[in-house]
Amino acid sequence: MGLFLITTVWAGDISAYFCGSRFGKHKLYPKISPKKTVEGLIGAVIGSILVALAFSQLFIPQLEKGLCILIAIGLGILGQVGDSPSPC
């Protein structure tokens, strides 16, 4: 399960970078992380969902798809929050 979590967060980070750098126009929260965009966050969530579903189908078939998507959404969002520098 640990590899599932790491892979999902990693996919979200990569998807966020590519979507944000390619399509990013709307800043997410410039005071905390000036380069993060809304488009990058959306890319992170979508990338996390796609990789989590593929990973679970290959290695954790007993994991329900709905739960897998819910976990991936949470990891996609939390992965972006965790990348932000401290506001202090």
C-alpha atoms as a PDB file:
ATOM      1  CA  MET A   1       0.000   0.000   0.000  1.00  0.00           C
ATOM      2  CA  GLY A   2       2.935   2.329   0.667  1.00  0.00           C
ATOM      3  CA  LEU A   3       4.091   2.088  -2.947  1.00  0.00           C
ATOM      4  CA  PHE A   4       0.536   2.930  -4.063  1.00  0.00           C
ATOM      5  CA  LEU A   5       0.622   6.133  -2.011  1.00  0.00           C
ATOM      6  CA  ILE A   6       4.080   7.155  -3.184  1.00  0.00           C
ATOM      7  CA  THR A   7       3.266   6.444  -6.833  1.00  0.00           C
ATOM      8  CA  THR A   8       0.014   8.376  -6.667  1.00  0.00           C
ATOM      9  CA  VAL A   9       1.613  11.450  -5.075  1.00  0.00           C
ATOM     10  CA  TRP A  10       4.524  11.276  -7.525  1.00  0.00           C
ATOM     11  CA  ALA A  11       2.132  11.126 -10.494  1.00  0.00           C
ATOM     12  CA  GLY A  12       0.206  14.083  -9.082  1.00  0.00           C
ATOM     13  CA  ASP A  13       3.400  16.141  -8.746  1.00  0.00           C
ATOM     14  CA  ILE A  14       4.468  15.404 -12.304  1.00  0.00           C
ATOM     15  CA  SER A  15       0.988  16.091 -13.689  1.00  0.00           C
ATOM     16  CA  ALA A  16       0.790  19.345 -11.737  1.00  0.00           C
ATOM     17  CA  TYR A  17       4.115  20.502 -13.110  1.00  0.00           C
ATOM     18  CA  PHE A  18       3.263  19.756 -16.737  1.00  0.00           C
ATOM     19  CA  CYS A  19      -0.309  21.087 -16.606  1.00  0.00           C
ATOM     20  CA  GLY A  20       0.711  24.162 -14.625  1.00  0.00           C
ATOM     21  CA  SER A  21       3.627  25.029 -16.890  1.00  0.00           C
ATOM     22  CA  ARG A  22       1.633  24.372 -20.071  1.00  0.00           C
ATOM     23  CA  PHE A  23      -1.820  25.733 -19.185  1.00  0.00           C
ATOM     24  CA  GLY A  24      -1.340  27.630 -15.916  1.00  0.00           C
ATOM     25  CA  LYS A  25      -2.768  31.137 -15.955  1.00  0.00           C
ATOM     26  CA  HIS A  26      -4.638  31.445 -12.669  1.00  0.00           C
ATOM     27  CA  LYS A  27      -2.482  31.652  -9.552  1.00  0.00           C
ATOM     28  CA  LEU A  28      -3.593  29.346  -6.763  1.00  0.00           C
ATOM     29  CA  TYR A  29      -2.278  31.236  -3.735  1.00  0.00           C
ATOM     30  CA  PRO A  30       0.564  33.588  -4.660  1.00  0.00           C
ATOM     31  CA  LYS A  31       1.477  34.594  -1.085  1.00  0.00           C
ATOM     32  CA  ILE A  32       2.372  31.035  -0.143  1.00  0.00           C
ATOM     33  CA  SER A  33       3.538  29.552  -3.439  1.00  0.00           C
ATOM     34  CA  PRO A  34       3.795  32.047  -6.294  1.00  0.00           C
ATOM     35  CA  LYS A  35       4.239  29.487  -9.080  1.00  0.00           C
ATOM     36  CA  LYS A  36       1.354  27.155  -8.243  1.00  0.00           C
ATOM     37  CA  THR A  37      -1.697  27.478 -10.462  1.00  0.00           C
ATOM     38  CA  VAL A  38      -5.277  26.267 -10.395  1.00  0.00           C
ATOM     39  CA  GLU A  39      -4.615  24.404 -13.639  1.00  0.00           C
ATOM     40  CA  GLY A  40      -1.672  22.644 -12.012  1.00  0.00           C
ATOM     41  CA  LEU A  41      -3.854  21.560  -9.098  1.00  0.00           C
ATOM     42  CA  ILE A  42      -6.470  20.180 -11.487  1.00  0.00           C
ATOM     43  CA  GLY A  43      -3.729  18.356 -13.368  1.00  0.00           C
ATOM     44  CA  ALA A  44      -2.433  16.902 -10.109  1.00  0.00           C
ATOM     45  CA  VAL A  45      -5.828  15.524  -9.178  1.00  0.00           C
ATOM     46  CA  ILE A  46      -6.476  14.058 -12.631  1.00  0.00           C
ATOM     47  CA  GLY A  47      -2.983  12.546 -12.834  1.00  0.00           C
ATOM     48  CA  SER A  48      -3.343  11.089  -9.350  1.00  0.00           C
ATOM     49  CA  ILE A  49      -6.681   9.510 -10.213  1.00  0.00           C
ATOM     50  CA  LEU A  50      -5.451   7.962 -13.470  1.00  0.00           C
ATOM     51  CA  VAL A  51      -2.301   6.477 -11.973  1.00  0.00           C
ATOM     52  CA  ALA A  52      -4.070   5.308  -8.814  1.00  0.00           C
ATOM     53  CA  LEU A  53      -6.693   3.487 -10.882  1.00  0.00           C
ATOM     54  CA  ALA A  54      -4.054   1.855 -13.086  1.00  0.00           C
ATOM     55  CA  PHE A  55      -1.897   0.880 -10.098  1.00  0.00           C
ATOM     56  CA  SER A  56      -4.834  -0.550  -8.182  1.00  0.00           C
ATOM     57  CA  GLN A  57      -6.010  -2.588 -11.164  1.00  0.00           C
ATOM     58  CA  LEU A  58      -2.564  -4.105 -11.575  1.00  0.00           C
ATOM     59  CA  PHE A  59      -1.485  -4.615  -7.981  1.00  0.00           C
ATOM     60  CA  ILE A  60      -4.454  -4.119  -5.622  1.00  0.00           C
ATOM     61  CA  PRO A  61      -7.509  -5.484  -7.462  1.00  0.00           C
ATOM     62  CA  GLN A  62      -9.503  -5.806  -4.227  1.00  0.00           C
ATOM     63  CA  LEU A  63      -9.459  -2.013  -3.754  1.00  0.00           C
ATOM     64  CA  GLU A  64     -12.835  -0.617  -4.823  1.00  0.00           C
ATOM     65  CA  LYS A  65     -12.711   1.954  -7.639  1.00  0.00           C
ATOM     66  CA  GLY A  66     -14.735   4.537  -5.721  1.00  0.00           C
ATOM     67  CA  LEU A  67     -12.437   4.374  -2.716  1.00  0.00           C
ATOM     68  CA  CYS A  68      -9.409   4.452  -4.992  1.00  0.00           C
ATOM     69  CA  ILE A  69     -10.660   7.651  -6.665  1.00  0.00           C
ATOM     70  CA  LEU A  70     -11.418   9.242  -3.307  1.00  0.00           C
ATOM     71  CA  ILE A  71      -7.936   8.429  -2.005  1.00  0.00           C
ATOM     72  CA  ALA A  72      -6.370   9.758  -5.215  1.00  0.00           C
ATOM     73  CA  ILE A  73      -8.264  13.052  -4.991  1.00  0.00           C
ATOM     74  CA  GLY A  74      -7.129  13.516  -1.419  1.00  0.00           C
ATOM     75  CA  LEU A  75      -3.527  12.655  -2.254  1.00  0.00           C
ATOM     76  CA  GLY A  76      -3.548  14.953  -5.284  1.00  0.00           C
ATOM     77  CA  ILE A  77      -4.690  17.898  -3.196  1.00  0.00           C
ATOM     78  CA  LEU A  78      -2.572  17.123  -0.142  1.00  0.00           C
ATOM     79  CA  GLY A  79       0.482  16.568  -2.317  1.00  0.00           C
ATOM     80  CA  GLN A  80       0.213  20.133  -3.577  1.00  0.00           C
ATOM     81  CA  VAL A  81      -0.347  21.541  -0.116  1.00  0.00           C
ATOM     82  CA  GLY A  82       2.664  19.640   1.178  1.00  0.00           C
ATOM     83  CA  ASP A  83       4.884  21.166  -1.526  1.00  0.00           C
ATOM     84  CA  SER A  84       4.117  24.707  -0.443  1.00  0.00           C
ATOM     85  CA  PRO A  85       6.760  26.505   1.591  1.00  0.00           C
ATOM     86  CA  SER A  86       5.951  27.583   5.123  1.00  0.00           C
ATOM     87  CA  PRO A  87       4.268  31.002   5.316  1.00  0.00           C
ATOM     88  CA  CYS A  88       6.449  32.001   8.291  1.00  0.00           C
END
